[in-house]
Amino acid sequence: MGTELLEISCLDPDPAKIQEAADRIKRGQVVAIPTDTLYTLVADPFSLHAVSSVFRAKGRELHRSLPILVDSITMAEDYAAQPLSARFFLLARRFWPGPLTIITPSSSLLPLKVTGNSGRLAIRQSASPLVQKLVETLEGPVISTSANRSGQPTCRSGIEVFGEMDGRVDLILDGGAVEGAGATTVDITEPEWRLIKEGAVSRAQLEAVLDGGEG
């Protein structure tokens, strides 16, 4: 079965198309969407079938972890282990919504398959109105991973995603070209925080918050 492609505005997304994407996600399907950084594959983190479908679409090993997207710090609190650290709130209040993924201990609500059996959760609130509307419509998080096959370049337009993932995903919301830099990933699960991947948020910005007490 081929992949369906729907054009959509990233800034003012059509509610009917957001609902279509949400309904497909609820049915365990995989949807590609534009974010504030690049195109990503999203699916229901509570559906093991959907999680496996994401791994198959990417050609990725099943033991890898998958980040989730939330619509607020409050939603993040629901899925991260409690109590959340002061560092988490410093980072989230400074950089969310935006291009920062925070790795923190996961709560037991999420399947271990999402965390790669690590018990650690990578979590982000996107600044994209489209992503925000989708997560709000679902009233829950989505797993998120770049919309490309493992080892291949990242896709920055719906057409690129279609060329790369046709037949591998169920629906693509085509919002045109996305120009944002990739998200930064920081791990705060240990006493010393670690920069896993530097993207739009620089090491210096993280140091200003975590080591300098900004916030």
N, C-alpha and C. Protein backbone atom coordinates (compact mmCIF):
# COMPACT_ATOMS: atom_id res chain seq x y z
N MET A 1 0.85 -1.19 0.00
CA MET A 1 0.00 0.00 0.00
C MET A 1 0.88 1.24 0.00
N GLY A 2 0.55 2.22 -0.86
CA GLY A 2 1.34 3.43 -0.96
C GLY A 2 1.08 4.39 0.18
N THR A 3 1.92 5.40 0.24
CA THR A 3 1.83 6.42 1.28
C THR A 3 0.97 7.58 0.80
N GLU A 4 0.04 8.04 1.63
CA GLU A 4 -0.78 9.20 1.29
C GLU A 4 -0.06 10.48 1.70
N LEU A 5 -0.17 11.51 0.88
CA LEU A 5 0.47 12.80 1.16
C LEU A 5 -0.58 13.89 1.18
N LEU A 6 -0.62 14.67 2.27
CA LEU A 6 -1.55 15.78 2.41
C LEU A 6 -0.77 17.07 2.62
N GLU A 7 -1.05 18.09 1.81
CA GLU A 7 -0.40 19.39 2.01
C GLU A 7 -1.05 20.09 3.21
N ILE A 8 -0.21 20.79 3.99
CA ILE A 8 -0.70 21.45 5.20
C ILE A 8 0.17 22.66 5.51
N SER A 9 -0.42 23.65 6.16
CA SER A 9 0.34 24.80 6.63
C SER A 9 0.97 24.47 7.98
N CYS A 10 2.27 24.75 8.11
CA CYS A 10 2.95 24.51 9.39
C CYS A 10 2.52 25.51 10.45
N LEU A 11 2.22 26.75 10.02
CA LEU A 11 1.91 27.81 10.97
C LEU A 11 0.43 27.87 11.33
N ASP A 12 -0.43 27.49 10.38
CA ASP A 12 -1.87 27.53 10.62
C ASP A 12 -2.48 26.24 10.07
N PRO A 13 -2.21 25.12 10.73
CA PRO A 13 -2.62 23.82 10.20
C PRO A 13 -4.13 23.63 10.18
N ASP A 14 -4.62 23.02 9.12
CA ASP A 14 -6.03 22.71 8.95
C ASP A 14 -6.45 21.70 10.03
N PRO A 15 -7.43 22.06 10.88
CA PRO A 15 -7.85 21.14 11.94
C PRO A 15 -8.29 19.78 11.42
N ALA A 16 -8.91 19.75 10.23
CA ALA A 16 -9.37 18.48 9.68
C ALA A 16 -8.20 17.56 9.35
N LYS A 17 -7.11 18.15 8.86
CA LYS A 17 -5.93 17.35 8.53
C LYS A 17 -5.20 16.91 9.79
N ILE A 18 -5.19 17.77 10.79
CA ILE A 18 -4.62 17.37 12.09
C ILE A 18 -5.43 16.20 12.67
N GLN A 19 -6.75 16.28 12.57
CA GLN A 19 -7.60 15.20 13.07
C GLN A 19 -7.36 13.91 12.30
N GLU A 20 -7.18 14.03 10.97
CA GLU A 20 -6.89 12.85 10.16
C GLU A 20 -5.60 12.17 10.63
N ALA A 21 -4.57 12.99 10.87
CA ALA A 21 -3.30 12.43 11.35
C ALA A 21 -3.48 11.80 12.73
N ALA A 22 -4.22 12.47 13.61
CA ALA A 22 -4.44 11.94 14.96
C ALA A 22 -5.20 10.62 14.91
N ASP A 23 -6.21 10.54 14.05
CA ASP A 23 -6.99 9.30 13.94
C ASP A 23 -6.12 8.15 13.46
N ARG A 24 -5.23 8.44 12.51
CA ARG A 24 -4.34 7.39 12.01
C ARG A 24 -3.37 6.94 13.10
N ILE A 25 -2.85 7.89 13.86
CA ILE A 25 -1.94 7.53 14.95
C ILE A 25 -2.67 6.66 15.97
N LYS A 26 -3.91 7.00 16.29
CA LYS A 26 -4.69 6.20 17.24
C LYS A 26 -4.92 4.78 16.72
N ARG A 27 -4.92 4.62 15.39
CA ARG A 27 -5.11 3.29 14.79
C ARG A 27 -3.79 2.53 14.66
N GLY A 28 -2.72 3.10 15.18
CA GLY A 28 -1.44 2.41 15.15
C GLY A 28 -0.61 2.66 13.91
N GLN A 29 -0.98 3.68 13.12
CA GLN A 29 -0.24 3.98 11.90
C GLN A 29 0.93 4.93 12.18
N VAL A 30 1.83 5.04 11.20
CA VAL A 30 3.00 5.90 11.29
C VAL A 30 2.79 7.09 10.36
N VAL A 31 2.98 8.29 10.90
CA VAL A 31 2.76 9.53 10.15
C VAL A 31 4.04 10.36 10.16
N ALA A 32 4.38 10.94 9.02
CA ALA A 32 5.52 11.85 8.93
C ALA A 32 5.01 13.29 8.95
N ILE A 33 5.63 14.13 9.79
CA ILE A 33 5.18 15.51 9.93
C ILE A 33 6.38 16.46 9.97
N PRO A 34 6.17 17.73 9.58
CA PRO A 34 7.23 18.73 9.77
C PRO A 34 7.21 19.25 11.19
N THR A 35 8.39 19.55 11.73
CA THR A 35 8.49 20.17 13.05
C THR A 35 9.26 21.48 12.92
N ASP A 36 9.70 22.02 14.04
CA ASP A 36 10.51 23.24 14.02
C ASP A 36 11.97 22.95 13.69
N THR A 37 12.34 21.67 13.55
CA THR A 37 13.73 21.32 13.25
C THR A 37 13.86 20.58 11.93
N LEU A 38 13.09 19.51 11.74
CA LEU A 38 13.11 18.74 10.50
C LEU A 38 11.85 17.89 10.44
N TYR A 39 11.74 17.03 9.43
CA TYR A 39 10.60 16.12 9.36
C TYR A 39 10.84 14.93 10.28
N THR A 40 9.78 14.47 10.91
CA THR A 40 9.90 13.39 11.87
C THR A 40 8.78 12.37 11.66
N LEU A 41 9.04 11.14 12.03
CA LEU A 41 8.01 10.11 12.07
C LEU A 41 7.40 10.10 13.46
N VAL A 42 6.07 10.09 13.52
CA VAL A 42 5.39 10.06 14.81
C VAL A 42 4.42 8.88 14.85
N ALA A 43 4.20 8.37 16.06
CA ALA A 43 3.30 7.24 16.26
C ALA A 43 2.93 7.17 17.73
N ASP A 44 2.02 6.25 18.04
CA ASP A 44 1.52 6.07 19.41
C ASP A 44 2.56 5.30 20.24
N PRO A 45 3.10 5.90 21.29
CA PRO A 45 4.11 5.20 22.10
C PRO A 45 3.56 4.01 22.87
N PHE A 46 2.23 3.94 23.02
CA PHE A 46 1.63 2.87 23.80
C PHE A 46 1.22 1.67 22.94
N SER A 47 1.41 1.79 21.63
CA SER A 47 1.11 0.69 20.71
C SER A 47 2.41 0.02 20.30
N LEU A 48 2.64 -1.20 20.77
CA LEU A 48 3.87 -1.90 20.41
C LEU A 48 3.93 -2.16 18.91
N HIS A 49 2.76 -2.34 18.29
CA HIS A 49 2.72 -2.49 16.83
C HIS A 49 3.23 -1.23 16.15
N ALA A 50 2.77 -0.07 16.63
CA ALA A 50 3.20 1.20 16.04
C ALA A 50 4.69 1.44 16.25
N VAL A 51 5.18 1.14 17.44
CA VAL A 51 6.61 1.31 17.72
C VAL A 51 7.43 0.42 16.80
N SER A 52 7.01 -0.83 16.63
CA SER A 52 7.72 -1.74 15.73
C SER A 52 7.67 -1.25 14.29
N SER A 53 6.54 -0.65 13.91
CA SER A 53 6.40 -0.12 12.55
C SER A 53 7.37 1.02 12.29
N VAL A 54 7.60 1.85 13.31
CA VAL A 54 8.57 2.94 13.17
C VAL A 54 9.97 2.37 12.96
N PHE A 55 10.33 1.37 13.75
CA PHE A 55 11.65 0.75 13.59
C PHE A 55 11.80 0.14 12.19
N ARG A 56 10.73 -0.51 11.71
CA ARG A 56 10.80 -1.11 10.37
C ARG A 56 10.93 -0.04 9.31
N ALA A 57 10.19 1.06 9.46
CA ALA A 57 10.24 2.14 8.47
C ALA A 57 11.64 2.71 8.35
N LYS A 58 12.32 2.81 9.47
CA LYS A 58 13.67 3.38 9.47
C LYS A 58 14.76 2.34 9.20
N GLY A 59 14.41 1.05 9.31
CA GLY A 59 15.43 0.02 9.19
C GLY A 59 16.38 0.07 10.36
N ARG A 60 15.84 0.35 11.53
CA ARG A 60 16.65 0.55 12.74
C ARG A 60 16.52 -0.65 13.66
N GLU A 61 17.58 -0.89 14.46
CA GLU A 61 17.56 -1.97 15.43
C GLU A 61 16.47 -1.74 16.47
N LEU A 62 15.82 -2.82 16.87
CA LEU A 62 14.67 -2.71 17.77
C LEU A 62 15.05 -2.30 19.19
N HIS A 63 16.35 -2.33 19.53
CA HIS A 63 16.72 -1.99 20.90
C HIS A 63 16.99 -0.50 21.08
N ARG A 64 16.91 0.30 20.00
CA ARG A 64 17.17 1.73 20.12
C ARG A 64 16.00 2.44 20.79
N SER A 65 16.30 3.51 21.52
CA SER A 65 15.24 4.28 22.18
C SER A 65 14.61 5.26 21.20
N LEU A 66 13.41 5.72 21.52
CA LEU A 66 12.69 6.67 20.68
C LEU A 66 12.26 7.86 21.54
N PRO A 67 12.60 9.08 21.15
CA PRO A 67 12.15 10.26 21.89
C PRO A 67 10.63 10.42 21.81
N ILE A 68 10.08 11.21 22.72
CA ILE A 68 8.66 11.56 22.62
C ILE A 68 8.52 13.08 22.57
N LEU A 69 7.43 13.50 21.93
CA LEU A 69 7.05 14.91 21.88
C LEU A 69 5.85 15.13 22.78
N VAL A 70 5.87 16.21 23.56
CA VAL A 70 4.78 16.56 24.46
C VAL A 70 4.30 17.98 24.13
N ASP A 71 3.18 18.38 24.73
CA ASP A 71 2.67 19.72 24.45
C ASP A 71 2.90 20.70 25.59
N SER A 72 3.55 20.24 26.69
CA SER A 72 3.75 21.12 27.84
C SER A 72 4.68 20.46 28.84
N ILE A 73 5.19 21.26 29.75
CA ILE A 73 5.97 20.70 30.86
C ILE A 73 5.08 19.78 31.70
N THR A 74 3.82 20.14 31.85
CA THR A 74 2.89 19.31 32.63
C THR A 74 2.78 17.91 32.05
N MET A 75 2.66 17.80 30.72
CA MET A 75 2.59 16.48 30.10
C MET A 75 3.91 15.73 30.29
N ALA A 76 5.01 16.45 30.21
CA ALA A 76 6.31 15.82 30.44
C ALA A 76 6.37 15.21 31.84
N GLU A 77 5.82 15.92 32.82
CA GLU A 77 5.82 15.42 34.20
C GLU A 77 5.07 14.11 34.34
N ASP A 78 4.07 13.90 33.47
CA ASP A 78 3.28 12.67 33.54
C ASP A 78 4.08 11.44 33.14
N TYR A 79 5.08 11.61 32.28
CA TYR A 79 5.78 10.45 31.72
C TYR A 79 7.23 10.33 32.17
N ALA A 80 7.75 11.33 32.82
CA ALA A 80 9.09 11.24 33.40
C ALA A 80 8.98 10.77 34.85
N ALA A 81 10.02 10.09 35.32
CA ALA A 81 10.01 9.61 36.70
C ALA A 81 10.03 10.80 37.66
N GLN A 82 9.30 10.64 38.76
CA GLN A 82 9.23 11.69 39.77
C GLN A 82 10.16 11.37 40.95
N PRO A 83 10.70 12.37 41.60
CA PRO A 83 10.54 13.78 41.26
C PRO A 83 11.51 14.20 40.17
N LEU A 84 11.05 15.09 39.29
CA LEU A 84 11.94 15.64 38.26
C LEU A 84 12.96 16.56 38.91
N SER A 85 14.15 16.58 38.35
CA SER A 85 15.23 17.37 38.94
C SER A 85 15.07 18.86 38.66
N ALA A 86 15.72 19.66 39.47
CA ALA A 86 15.73 21.11 39.24
C ALA A 86 16.33 21.43 37.88
N ARG A 87 17.30 20.63 37.44
CA ARG A 87 17.92 20.87 36.14
C ARG A 87 16.91 20.73 35.01
N PHE A 88 16.01 19.76 35.14
CA PHE A 88 14.98 19.59 34.12
C PHE A 88 14.15 20.86 33.98
N PHE A 89 13.68 21.39 35.09
CA PHE A 89 12.82 22.57 35.04
C PHE A 89 13.59 23.80 34.55
N LEU A 90 14.86 23.93 34.93
CA LEU A 90 15.67 25.04 34.42
C LEU A 90 15.74 24.99 32.90
N LEU A 91 16.01 23.80 32.36
CA LEU A 91 16.13 23.65 30.91
C LEU A 91 14.79 23.83 30.20
N ALA A 92 13.76 23.17 30.71
CA ALA A 92 12.46 23.23 30.05
C ALA A 92 11.89 24.64 30.04
N ARG A 93 12.02 25.34 31.16
CA ARG A 93 11.48 26.70 31.23
C ARG A 93 12.27 27.67 30.36
N ARG A 94 13.54 27.39 30.13
CA ARG A 94 14.37 28.26 29.30
C ARG A 94 14.24 27.96 27.81
N PHE A 95 14.15 26.69 27.43
CA PHE A 95 14.27 26.32 26.02
C PHE A 95 13.01 25.72 25.39
N TRP A 96 11.99 25.43 26.19
CA TRP A 96 10.74 24.89 25.63
C TRP A 96 9.69 25.97 25.51
N PRO A 97 8.84 25.90 24.50
CA PRO A 97 8.95 24.99 23.37
C PRO A 97 10.12 25.37 22.48
N GLY A 98 10.85 24.39 21.99
CA GLY A 98 12.02 24.68 21.18
C GLY A 98 12.87 23.46 20.93
N PRO A 99 14.04 23.66 20.32
CA PRO A 99 14.86 22.55 19.82
C PRO A 99 15.81 21.95 20.85
N LEU A 100 15.27 21.55 22.00
CA LEU A 100 16.08 20.88 23.02
C LEU A 100 15.38 19.61 23.48
N THR A 101 16.05 18.48 23.31
CA THR A 101 15.57 17.20 23.83
C THR A 101 16.30 16.91 25.14
N ILE A 102 15.53 16.61 26.18
CA ILE A 102 16.08 16.36 27.51
C ILE A 102 15.92 14.88 27.84
N ILE A 103 17.02 14.23 28.20
CA ILE A 103 16.97 12.83 28.62
C ILE A 103 16.91 12.78 30.14
N THR A 104 15.87 12.12 30.65
CA THR A 104 15.62 12.05 32.09
C THR A 104 15.08 10.65 32.40
N PRO A 105 15.13 10.19 33.64
CA PRO A 105 14.56 8.87 33.94
C PRO A 105 13.08 8.80 33.57
N SER A 106 12.66 7.67 33.02
CA SER A 106 11.29 7.48 32.57
C SER A 106 10.41 6.93 33.69
N SER A 107 9.14 7.29 33.64
CA SER A 107 8.18 6.67 34.55
C SER A 107 7.81 5.29 34.01
N SER A 108 7.06 4.54 34.79
CA SER A 108 6.65 3.20 34.37
C SER A 108 5.46 3.23 33.42
N LEU A 109 4.94 4.41 33.11
CA LEU A 109 3.78 4.51 32.23
C LEU A 109 4.13 4.17 30.79
N LEU A 110 5.37 4.46 30.38
CA LEU A 110 5.77 4.21 29.00
C LEU A 110 6.35 2.80 28.86
N PRO A 111 6.03 2.12 27.76
CA PRO A 111 6.61 0.79 27.53
C PRO A 111 8.14 0.86 27.47
N LEU A 112 8.80 -0.16 28.00
CA LEU A 112 10.26 -0.19 27.99
C LEU A 112 10.80 -0.14 26.57
N LYS A 113 10.00 -0.63 25.60
CA LYS A 113 10.46 -0.62 24.21
C LYS A 113 10.73 0.79 23.72
N VAL A 114 9.97 1.77 24.24
CA VAL A 114 10.17 3.17 23.84
C VAL A 114 11.51 3.68 24.34
N THR A 115 11.90 3.26 25.51
CA THR A 115 13.17 3.73 26.09
C THR A 115 14.35 2.83 25.72
N GLY A 116 14.12 1.86 24.84
CA GLY A 116 15.19 0.94 24.49
C GLY A 116 15.62 0.10 25.68
N ASN A 117 14.66 -0.17 26.59
CA ASN A 117 14.92 -0.94 27.83
C ASN A 117 15.96 -0.27 28.72
N SER A 118 16.15 1.03 28.54
CA SER A 118 17.16 1.75 29.33
C SER A 118 16.57 2.41 30.57
N GLY A 119 15.23 2.62 30.56
CA GLY A 119 14.61 3.36 31.65
C GLY A 119 14.84 4.86 31.56
N ARG A 120 15.42 5.30 30.44
CA ARG A 120 15.68 6.73 30.24
C ARG A 120 14.81 7.24 29.10
N LEU A 121 14.23 8.40 29.30
CA LEU A 121 13.28 8.97 28.35
C LEU A 121 13.84 10.25 27.74
N ALA A 122 13.84 10.32 26.41
CA ALA A 122 14.21 11.54 25.70
C ALA A 122 12.92 12.28 25.35
N ILE A 123 12.81 13.53 25.76
CA ILE A 123 11.53 14.23 25.71
C ILE A 123 11.72 15.67 25.25
N ARG A 124 10.77 16.16 24.42
CA ARG A 124 10.88 17.52 23.89
C ARG A 124 9.49 18.11 23.66
N GLN A 125 9.39 19.42 23.84
CA GLN A 125 8.21 20.16 23.41
C GLN A 125 8.61 21.00 22.22
N SER A 126 8.02 20.72 21.06
CA SER A 126 8.36 21.42 19.83
C SER A 126 7.71 22.80 19.79
N ALA A 127 8.38 23.73 19.12
CA ALA A 127 7.81 25.07 18.93
C ALA A 127 6.89 25.13 17.72
N SER A 128 6.73 24.03 17.01
CA SER A 128 5.88 24.00 15.82
C SER A 128 4.40 24.03 16.19
N PRO A 129 3.63 24.99 15.67
CA PRO A 129 2.18 24.99 15.92
C PRO A 129 1.51 23.70 15.46
N LEU A 130 2.01 23.13 14.37
CA LEU A 130 1.43 21.88 13.86
C LEU A 130 1.62 20.75 14.87
N VAL A 131 2.82 20.62 15.39
CA VAL A 131 3.09 19.57 16.38
C VAL A 131 2.27 19.80 17.64
N GLN A 132 2.21 21.05 18.07
CA GLN A 132 1.45 21.37 19.28
C GLN A 132 -0.01 20.98 19.11
N LYS A 133 -0.60 21.33 17.96
CA LYS A 133 -2.01 21.00 17.71
C LYS A 133 -2.22 19.49 17.66
N LEU A 134 -1.28 18.77 17.06
CA LEU A 134 -1.43 17.32 16.95
C LEU A 134 -1.39 16.66 18.33
N VAL A 135 -0.43 17.04 19.16
CA VAL A 135 -0.32 16.44 20.49
C VAL A 135 -1.51 16.82 21.35
N GLU A 136 -1.96 18.07 21.22
CA GLU A 136 -3.15 18.49 21.97
C GLU A 136 -4.38 17.69 21.53
N THR A 137 -4.51 17.45 20.23
CA THR A 137 -5.65 16.68 19.72
C THR A 137 -5.63 15.25 20.24
N LEU A 138 -4.44 14.67 20.29
CA LEU A 138 -4.28 13.30 20.79
C LEU A 138 -4.43 13.21 22.31
N GLU A 139 -4.20 14.34 23.00
CA GLU A 139 -4.21 14.39 24.46
C GLU A 139 -3.18 13.43 25.05
N GLY A 140 -2.07 13.31 24.37
CA GLY A 140 -0.99 12.45 24.83
C GLY A 140 0.21 12.59 23.92
N PRO A 141 1.35 12.05 24.34
CA PRO A 141 2.58 12.22 23.58
C PRO A 141 2.63 11.34 22.34
N VAL A 142 3.58 11.64 21.46
CA VAL A 142 3.88 10.77 20.32
C VAL A 142 5.37 10.45 20.35
N ILE A 143 5.73 9.25 19.89
CA ILE A 143 7.14 8.99 19.67
C ILE A 143 7.58 9.75 18.43
N SER A 144 8.85 10.10 18.39
CA SER A 144 9.35 10.96 17.31
C SER A 144 10.77 10.56 16.95
N THR A 145 11.00 10.35 15.66
CA THR A 145 12.35 10.07 15.16
C THR A 145 12.45 10.59 13.74
N SER A 146 13.63 10.99 13.33
CA SER A 146 13.79 11.65 12.04
C SER A 146 13.22 10.82 10.90
N ALA A 147 12.58 11.50 9.94
CA ALA A 147 11.87 10.84 8.84
C ALA A 147 12.84 10.49 7.71
N ASN A 148 13.69 9.54 7.99
CA ASN A 148 14.62 9.03 6.98
C ASN A 148 15.03 7.62 7.39
N ARG A 149 15.51 6.86 6.43
CA ARG A 149 16.03 5.54 6.76
C ARG A 149 17.37 5.70 7.48
N SER A 150 17.64 4.81 8.41
CA SER A 150 18.87 4.90 9.19
C SER A 150 20.08 4.95 8.28
N GLY A 151 20.97 5.91 8.57
CA GLY A 151 22.18 6.06 7.78
C GLY A 151 22.04 6.97 6.59
N GLN A 152 20.81 7.42 6.29
CA GLN A 152 20.58 8.31 5.16
C GLN A 152 20.44 9.75 5.65
N PRO A 153 20.63 10.74 4.75
CA PRO A 153 20.50 12.15 5.16
C PRO A 153 19.10 12.46 5.66
N THR A 154 19.00 13.45 6.55
CA THR A 154 17.70 13.87 7.05
C THR A 154 16.89 14.54 5.95
N CYS A 155 15.58 14.43 6.03
CA CYS A 155 14.68 15.01 5.02
C CYS A 155 14.14 16.34 5.53
N ARG A 156 14.15 17.34 4.65
CA ARG A 156 13.72 18.68 5.04
C ARG A 156 12.50 19.17 4.26
N SER A 157 11.86 18.28 3.51
CA SER A 157 10.61 18.64 2.84
C SER A 157 9.74 17.39 2.74
N GLY A 158 8.44 17.62 2.58
CA GLY A 158 7.53 16.50 2.45
C GLY A 158 7.83 15.65 1.23
N ILE A 159 8.25 16.29 0.13
CA ILE A 159 8.57 15.56 -1.08
C ILE A 159 9.80 14.68 -0.87
N GLU A 160 10.80 15.19 -0.14
CA GLU A 160 11.97 14.37 0.18
C GLU A 160 11.57 13.16 1.01
N VAL A 161 10.69 13.38 1.98
CA VAL A 161 10.22 12.27 2.81
C VAL A 161 9.50 11.24 1.95
N PHE A 162 8.66 11.72 1.03
CA PHE A 162 7.91 10.81 0.15
C PHE A 162 8.88 9.97 -0.67
N GLY A 163 9.91 10.60 -1.22
CA GLY A 163 10.88 9.86 -2.01
C GLY A 163 11.64 8.83 -1.20
N GLU A 164 11.86 9.12 0.07
CA GLU A 164 12.63 8.24 0.94
C GLU A 164 11.76 7.17 1.61
N MET A 165 10.51 7.53 1.95
CA MET A 165 9.71 6.66 2.83
C MET A 165 8.42 6.16 2.20
N ASP A 166 8.20 6.38 0.90
CA ASP A 166 6.97 5.90 0.26
C ASP A 166 6.83 4.39 0.46
N GLY A 167 5.67 4.00 0.97
CA GLY A 167 5.43 2.59 1.25
C GLY A 167 5.90 2.15 2.62
N ARG A 168 6.67 3.00 3.29
CA ARG A 168 7.18 2.67 4.63
C ARG A 168 6.36 3.33 5.73
N VAL A 169 5.67 4.45 5.40
CA VAL A 169 4.81 5.14 6.36
C VAL A 169 3.43 5.26 5.75
N ASP A 170 2.44 5.57 6.58
CA ASP A 170 1.06 5.59 6.11
C ASP A 170 0.63 6.94 5.58
N LEU A 171 1.12 8.02 6.19
CA LEU A 171 0.68 9.37 5.83
C LEU A 171 1.83 10.34 6.01
N ILE A 172 1.94 11.30 5.08
CA ILE A 172 2.89 12.41 5.21
C ILE A 172 2.10 13.70 5.20
N LEU A 173 2.27 14.53 6.23
CA LEU A 173 1.75 15.89 6.20
C LEU A 173 2.84 16.77 5.60
N ASP A 174 2.59 17.26 4.39
CA ASP A 174 3.60 18.01 3.64
C ASP A 174 3.44 19.50 3.92
N GLY A 175 4.33 20.03 4.74
CA GLY A 175 4.32 21.45 5.06
C GLY A 175 5.38 22.23 4.31
N GLY A 176 5.90 21.66 3.22
CA GLY A 176 6.94 22.33 2.45
C GLY A 176 8.30 22.14 3.09
N ALA A 177 9.22 23.04 2.77
CA ALA A 177 10.59 22.92 3.26
C ALA A 177 10.69 23.40 4.71
N VAL A 178 11.48 22.71 5.51
CA VAL A 178 11.76 23.08 6.89
C VAL A 178 13.22 23.48 6.98
N GLU A 179 13.48 24.67 7.51
CA GLU A 179 14.84 25.22 7.49
C GLU A 179 15.55 25.20 8.84
N GLY A 180 14.88 24.74 9.88
CA GLY A 180 15.46 24.81 11.22
C GLY A 180 16.65 23.90 11.41
N ALA A 181 17.52 24.27 12.34
CA ALA A 181 18.64 23.41 12.72
C ALA A 181 18.13 22.24 13.54
N GLY A 182 18.88 21.16 13.60
CA GLY A 182 18.48 20.00 14.38
C GLY A 182 18.43 20.31 15.86
N ALA A 183 17.67 19.50 16.59
CA ALA A 183 17.55 19.71 18.04
C ALA A 183 18.82 19.26 18.75
N THR A 184 19.11 19.92 19.84
CA THR A 184 20.19 19.53 20.75
C THR A 184 19.64 18.49 21.72
N THR A 185 20.48 17.54 22.11
CA THR A 185 20.08 16.54 23.10
C THR A 185 21.03 16.59 24.29
N VAL A 186 20.46 16.70 25.49
CA VAL A 186 21.26 16.75 26.72
C VAL A 186 20.75 15.69 27.69
N ASP A 187 21.67 14.97 28.32
CA ASP A 187 21.34 13.91 29.27
C ASP A 187 21.56 14.43 30.69
N ILE A 188 20.49 14.43 31.50
CA ILE A 188 20.60 14.91 32.88
C ILE A 188 20.31 13.80 33.88
N THR A 189 20.50 12.55 33.45
CA THR A 189 20.19 11.43 34.34
C THR A 189 21.30 11.16 35.36
N GLU A 190 22.49 11.66 35.11
CA GLU A 190 23.63 11.43 36.00
C GLU A 190 23.97 12.70 36.77
N PRO A 191 24.82 12.61 37.80
CA PRO A 191 25.20 13.81 38.55
C PRO A 191 25.81 14.90 37.67
N GLU A 192 26.59 14.50 36.65
CA GLU A 192 27.15 15.45 35.70
C GLU A 192 26.36 15.37 34.40
N TRP A 193 25.82 16.50 33.95
CA TRP A 193 25.06 16.49 32.70
C TRP A 193 25.99 16.28 31.51
N ARG A 194 25.42 15.68 30.43
CA ARG A 194 26.22 15.37 29.24
C ARG A 194 25.53 15.89 27.99
N LEU A 195 26.28 16.52 27.13
CA LEU A 195 25.78 16.95 25.83
C LEU A 195 25.91 15.78 24.87
N ILE A 196 24.78 15.23 24.45
CA ILE A 196 24.77 14.06 23.57
C ILE A 196 24.90 14.49 22.11
N LYS A 197 24.18 15.52 21.73
CA LYS A 197 24.23 16.03 20.35
C LYS A 197 24.00 17.53 20.37
N GLU A 198 24.90 18.28 19.78
CA GLU A 198 24.75 19.74 19.73
C GLU A 198 24.03 20.14 18.45
N GLY A 199 22.96 20.89 18.62
CA GLY A 199 22.19 21.38 17.48
C GLY A 199 21.91 22.85 17.63
N ALA A 200 20.63 23.22 17.57
CA ALA A 200 20.25 24.63 17.61
C ALA A 200 20.58 25.29 18.94
N VAL A 201 20.53 24.54 20.02
CA VAL A 201 20.92 25.06 21.34
C VAL A 201 22.38 24.68 21.57
N SER A 202 23.22 25.67 21.81
CA SER A 202 24.66 25.43 21.92
C SER A 202 25.07 24.96 23.31
N ARG A 203 26.26 24.39 23.39
CA ARG A 203 26.82 24.01 24.68
C ARG A 203 26.91 25.23 25.61
N ALA A 204 27.31 26.36 25.05
CA ALA A 204 27.45 27.57 25.86
C ALA A 204 26.11 27.98 26.47
N GLN A 205 25.03 27.83 25.71
CA GLN A 205 23.70 28.16 26.24
C GLN A 205 23.31 27.21 27.36
N LEU A 206 23.62 25.93 27.20
CA LEU A 206 23.33 24.96 28.25
C LEU A 206 24.14 25.25 29.50
N GLU A 207 25.42 25.57 29.32
CA GLU A 207 26.28 25.88 30.46
C GLU A 207 25.77 27.09 31.22
N ALA A 208 25.27 28.09 30.48
CA ALA A 208 24.77 29.30 31.14
C ALA A 208 23.60 28.98 32.06
N VAL A 209 22.78 27.99 31.67
CA VAL A 209 21.62 27.62 32.48
C VAL A 209 22.00 26.64 33.58
N LEU A 210 22.73 25.59 33.22
CA LEU A 210 23.00 24.51 34.17
C LEU A 210 24.15 24.79 35.12
N ASP A 211 25.14 25.51 34.63
CA ASP A 211 26.31 25.80 35.47
C ASP A 211 26.30 27.22 36.02
N GLY A 212 25.57 28.10 35.30
CA GLY A 212 25.55 29.49 35.72
C GLY A 212 24.32 29.87 36.51
N GLY A 213 23.34 28.93 36.54
CA GLY A 213 22.15 29.19 37.36
C GLY A 213 21.13 30.08 36.70
N GLU A 214 21.24 30.28 35.37
CA GLU A 214 20.22 31.09 34.69
C GLU A 214 18.89 30.38 34.77
N GLY A 215 17.81 31.12 34.84
CA GLY A 215 16.51 30.49 34.83
C GLY A 215 15.53 31.21 35.70
